[in-house]
Amino acid sequence: MGLILYQYEFCPFCAKVRAKLEELNIPYEAINVERDPNDPLRKEMRERSGVATVPVIKHGDVWLGESADIIAYVEKHKEELKNVG
């Protein structure tokens, strides 16, 4: 299963994660999340990741927020992530 990045296009923390994914040549799907806290996608993201802010990634059953934690995760799992389309 591929990597999904929940983000805002102009969020600097999201840009940092996108830059790392691109540097490591990790394919991902970017999904823009509404700023509205009542948006169903945002609610699901918050419930599953425990984080109310973006960026958040989903990789299989793993939901992870906070840009530094995401970057550490993708660096640790980069070979696995590169081999998933």
N, C-alpha and C. Protein backbone atom coordinates (compact mmCIF):
# COMPACT_ATOMS: atom_id res chain seq x y z
N MET A 1 0.85 -1.19 0.00
CA MET A 1 0.00 0.00 0.00
C MET A 1 0.88 1.24 0.00
N GLY A 2 0.54 2.23 -0.81
CA GLY A 2 1.32 3.44 -0.95
C GLY A 2 1.18 4.40 0.21
N LEU A 3 1.97 5.42 0.17
CA LEU A 3 1.99 6.45 1.19
C LEU A 3 1.02 7.56 0.81
N ILE A 4 0.22 7.99 1.76
CA ILE A 4 -0.70 9.11 1.56
C ILE A 4 -0.27 10.23 2.50
N LEU A 5 -0.16 11.43 1.95
CA LEU A 5 0.19 12.62 2.73
C LEU A 5 -1.03 13.52 2.79
N TYR A 6 -1.54 13.73 3.99
CA TYR A 6 -2.63 14.69 4.21
C TYR A 6 -1.97 16.02 4.51
N GLN A 7 -2.39 17.07 3.80
CA GLN A 7 -1.65 18.32 3.84
C GLN A 7 -2.52 19.52 3.50
N TYR A 8 -1.94 20.72 3.70
CA TYR A 8 -2.39 21.97 3.09
C TYR A 8 -1.30 22.32 2.10
N GLU A 9 -1.65 22.79 0.95
CA GLU A 9 -0.67 23.10 -0.08
C GLU A 9 0.39 24.10 0.39
N PHE A 10 0.00 25.11 1.16
CA PHE A 10 0.93 26.18 1.52
C PHE A 10 1.47 26.07 2.94
N CYS A 11 1.30 24.93 3.57
CA CYS A 11 1.81 24.69 4.92
C CYS A 11 3.32 24.45 4.86
N PRO A 12 4.13 25.21 5.60
CA PRO A 12 5.58 25.03 5.53
C PRO A 12 6.04 23.67 6.06
N PHE A 13 5.33 23.11 7.03
CA PHE A 13 5.69 21.79 7.56
C PHE A 13 5.37 20.70 6.54
N CYS A 14 4.29 20.88 5.81
CA CYS A 14 3.93 19.95 4.74
C CYS A 14 4.96 20.03 3.62
N ALA A 15 5.40 21.24 3.30
CA ALA A 15 6.42 21.43 2.26
C ALA A 15 7.72 20.72 2.65
N LYS A 16 8.06 20.77 3.92
CA LYS A 16 9.25 20.10 4.42
C LYS A 16 9.15 18.58 4.21
N VAL A 17 7.98 18.02 4.50
CA VAL A 17 7.77 16.58 4.31
C VAL A 17 7.78 16.24 2.82
N ARG A 18 7.10 17.04 2.00
CA ARG A 18 7.11 16.79 0.55
C ARG A 18 8.53 16.82 0.00
N ALA A 19 9.34 17.77 0.46
CA ALA A 19 10.72 17.87 -0.01
C ALA A 19 11.52 16.62 0.35
N LYS A 20 11.31 16.10 1.54
CA LYS A 20 12.03 14.89 1.95
C LYS A 20 11.57 13.70 1.13
N LEU A 21 10.27 13.57 0.90
CA LEU A 21 9.76 12.46 0.09
C LEU A 21 10.33 12.52 -1.32
N GLU A 22 10.41 13.71 -1.87
CA GLU A 22 10.95 13.88 -3.22
C GLU A 22 12.46 13.61 -3.24
N GLU A 23 13.16 14.08 -2.22
CA GLU A 23 14.61 13.83 -2.12
C GLU A 23 14.90 12.32 -2.09
N LEU A 24 14.07 11.56 -1.37
CA LEU A 24 14.26 10.12 -1.23
C LEU A 24 13.60 9.33 -2.36
N ASN A 25 12.97 10.04 -3.31
CA ASN A 25 12.27 9.39 -4.43
C ASN A 25 11.19 8.41 -3.96
N ILE A 26 10.44 8.85 -2.96
CA ILE A 26 9.35 8.03 -2.43
C ILE A 26 8.05 8.50 -3.06
N PRO A 27 7.35 7.61 -3.75
CA PRO A 27 6.06 8.00 -4.34
C PRO A 27 5.01 8.20 -3.25
N TYR A 28 4.15 9.18 -3.45
CA TYR A 28 3.09 9.43 -2.48
C TYR A 28 1.91 10.09 -3.17
N GLU A 29 0.78 9.99 -2.50
CA GLU A 29 -0.42 10.68 -2.95
C GLU A 29 -0.69 11.81 -1.95
N ALA A 30 -0.77 13.03 -2.45
CA ALA A 30 -1.06 14.18 -1.59
C ALA A 30 -2.56 14.45 -1.61
N ILE A 31 -3.13 14.56 -0.42
CA ILE A 31 -4.54 14.88 -0.29
C ILE A 31 -4.65 16.17 0.52
N ASN A 32 -5.25 17.19 -0.11
CA ASN A 32 -5.43 18.45 0.59
C ASN A 32 -6.61 18.35 1.54
N VAL A 33 -6.38 18.74 2.77
CA VAL A 33 -7.37 18.67 3.84
C VAL A 33 -7.95 20.07 4.06
N GLU A 34 -9.25 20.13 4.21
CA GLU A 34 -9.91 21.41 4.49
C GLU A 34 -9.50 21.93 5.87
N ARG A 35 -9.48 23.21 6.02
CA ARG A 35 -9.16 23.81 7.32
C ARG A 35 -10.32 23.69 8.31
N ASP A 36 -11.50 23.43 7.80
CA ASP A 36 -12.70 23.30 8.64
C ASP A 36 -12.55 22.09 9.57
N PRO A 37 -12.55 22.30 10.90
CA PRO A 37 -12.39 21.18 11.82
C PRO A 37 -13.54 20.16 11.77
N ASN A 38 -14.65 20.55 11.17
CA ASN A 38 -15.79 19.64 11.05
C ASN A 38 -15.79 18.84 9.75
N ASP A 39 -14.80 19.07 8.90
CA ASP A 39 -14.68 18.33 7.65
C ASP A 39 -14.49 16.84 7.98
N PRO A 40 -15.27 15.95 7.35
CA PRO A 40 -15.17 14.52 7.67
C PRO A 40 -13.77 13.92 7.49
N LEU A 41 -13.06 14.32 6.45
CA LEU A 41 -11.72 13.80 6.23
C LEU A 41 -10.78 14.26 7.35
N ARG A 42 -10.91 15.50 7.72
CA ARG A 42 -10.06 16.03 8.80
C ARG A 42 -10.37 15.34 10.12
N LYS A 43 -11.65 15.07 10.38
CA LYS A 43 -12.03 14.36 11.60
C LYS A 43 -11.41 12.96 11.62
N GLU A 44 -11.48 12.25 10.48
CA GLU A 44 -10.90 10.91 10.41
C GLU A 44 -9.39 10.97 10.63
N MET A 45 -8.74 11.92 10.00
CA MET A 45 -7.30 12.09 10.14
C MET A 45 -6.94 12.31 11.61
N ARG A 46 -7.68 13.16 12.29
CA ARG A 46 -7.42 13.48 13.69
C ARG A 46 -7.66 12.26 14.57
N GLU A 47 -8.75 11.53 14.33
CA GLU A 47 -9.07 10.36 15.14
C GLU A 47 -8.01 9.26 14.98
N ARG A 48 -7.56 9.05 13.76
CA ARG A 48 -6.62 7.95 13.50
C ARG A 48 -5.18 8.29 13.87
N SER A 49 -4.79 9.54 13.68
CA SER A 49 -3.40 9.92 13.94
C SER A 49 -3.20 10.48 15.35
N GLY A 50 -4.28 10.98 15.95
CA GLY A 50 -4.15 11.63 17.24
C GLY A 50 -3.63 13.05 17.12
N VAL A 51 -3.50 13.54 15.89
CA VAL A 51 -2.96 14.87 15.64
C VAL A 51 -4.01 15.69 14.89
N ALA A 52 -4.23 16.91 15.34
CA ALA A 52 -5.25 17.76 14.71
C ALA A 52 -4.69 18.65 13.61
N THR A 53 -3.38 18.62 13.42
CA THR A 53 -2.75 19.49 12.43
C THR A 53 -2.15 18.65 11.30
N VAL A 54 -1.83 19.30 10.20
CA VAL A 54 -1.13 18.65 9.11
C VAL A 54 0.34 19.04 9.19
N PRO A 55 1.22 18.23 8.66
CA PRO A 55 1.01 17.05 7.84
C PRO A 55 0.73 15.80 8.67
N VAL A 56 0.06 14.86 8.01
CA VAL A 56 -0.17 13.52 8.55
C VAL A 56 0.06 12.55 7.39
N ILE A 57 0.71 11.42 7.67
CA ILE A 57 0.84 10.39 6.65
C ILE A 57 0.07 9.15 7.05
N LYS A 58 -0.32 8.41 6.03
CA LYS A 58 -0.92 7.09 6.22
C LYS A 58 -0.11 6.14 5.36
N HIS A 59 0.38 5.09 6.00
CA HIS A 59 1.13 4.04 5.31
C HIS A 59 0.64 2.72 5.87
N GLY A 60 -0.21 2.04 5.11
CA GLY A 60 -0.83 0.81 5.62
C GLY A 60 -1.72 1.16 6.80
N ASP A 61 -1.44 0.53 7.93
CA ASP A 61 -2.21 0.81 9.15
C ASP A 61 -1.58 1.90 10.01
N VAL A 62 -0.48 2.45 9.56
CA VAL A 62 0.23 3.49 10.32
C VAL A 62 -0.28 4.86 9.94
N TRP A 63 -0.71 5.63 10.94
CA TRP A 63 -1.08 7.03 10.79
C TRP A 63 -0.12 7.81 11.67
N LEU A 64 0.53 8.82 11.12
CA LEU A 64 1.55 9.54 11.87
C LEU A 64 1.50 11.01 11.54
N GLY A 65 1.56 11.83 12.57
CA GLY A 65 1.58 13.28 12.41
C GLY A 65 2.91 13.86 12.88
N GLU A 66 3.03 15.16 12.77
CA GLU A 66 4.23 15.92 13.15
C GLU A 66 5.33 15.70 12.11
N SER A 67 5.76 16.76 11.49
CA SER A 67 6.72 16.67 10.37
C SER A 67 8.02 15.97 10.75
N ALA A 68 8.57 16.25 11.93
CA ALA A 68 9.84 15.61 12.32
C ALA A 68 9.65 14.10 12.46
N ASP A 69 8.53 13.67 13.03
CA ASP A 69 8.26 12.24 13.19
C ASP A 69 8.04 11.58 11.84
N ILE A 70 7.36 12.27 10.94
CA ILE A 70 7.12 11.74 9.60
C ILE A 70 8.45 11.57 8.87
N ILE A 71 9.30 12.57 8.93
CA ILE A 71 10.59 12.50 8.25
C ILE A 71 11.43 11.36 8.81
N ALA A 72 11.44 11.19 10.12
CA ALA A 72 12.18 10.07 10.73
C ALA A 72 11.62 8.74 10.24
N TYR A 73 10.31 8.64 10.14
CA TYR A 73 9.67 7.41 9.68
C TYR A 73 10.04 7.10 8.23
N VAL A 74 9.95 8.09 7.35
CA VAL A 74 10.24 7.81 5.94
C VAL A 74 11.72 7.52 5.72
N GLU A 75 12.59 8.13 6.51
CA GLU A 75 14.01 7.81 6.39
C GLU A 75 14.28 6.37 6.84
N LYS A 76 13.62 5.95 7.89
CA LYS A 76 13.80 4.58 8.41
C LYS A 76 13.24 3.54 7.44
N HIS A 77 12.12 3.85 6.78
CA HIS A 77 11.42 2.89 5.93
C HIS A 77 11.57 3.20 4.44
N LYS A 78 12.57 3.97 4.07
CA LYS A 78 12.67 4.46 2.69
C LYS A 78 12.73 3.35 1.65
N GLU A 79 13.43 2.28 1.91
CA GLU A 79 13.53 1.21 0.90
C GLU A 79 12.16 0.55 0.68
N GLU A 80 11.47 0.29 1.77
CA GLU A 80 10.12 -0.28 1.68
C GLU A 80 9.18 0.67 0.95
N LEU A 81 9.26 1.95 1.26
CA LEU A 81 8.37 2.94 0.67
C LEU A 81 8.66 3.17 -0.82
N LYS A 82 9.89 3.03 -1.23
CA LYS A 82 10.25 3.20 -2.64
C LYS A 82 9.69 2.09 -3.50
N ASN A 83 9.52 0.91 -2.91
CA ASN A 83 9.06 -0.25 -3.65
C ASN A 83 7.55 -0.41 -3.69
N VAL A 84 6.86 0.59 -3.20
CA VAL A 84 5.39 0.56 -3.20
C VAL A 84 4.90 1.61 -4.17
N GLY A 85 4.01 1.23 -5.06
CA GLY A 85 3.51 2.19 -6.04
C GLY A 85 2.25 2.83 -5.67
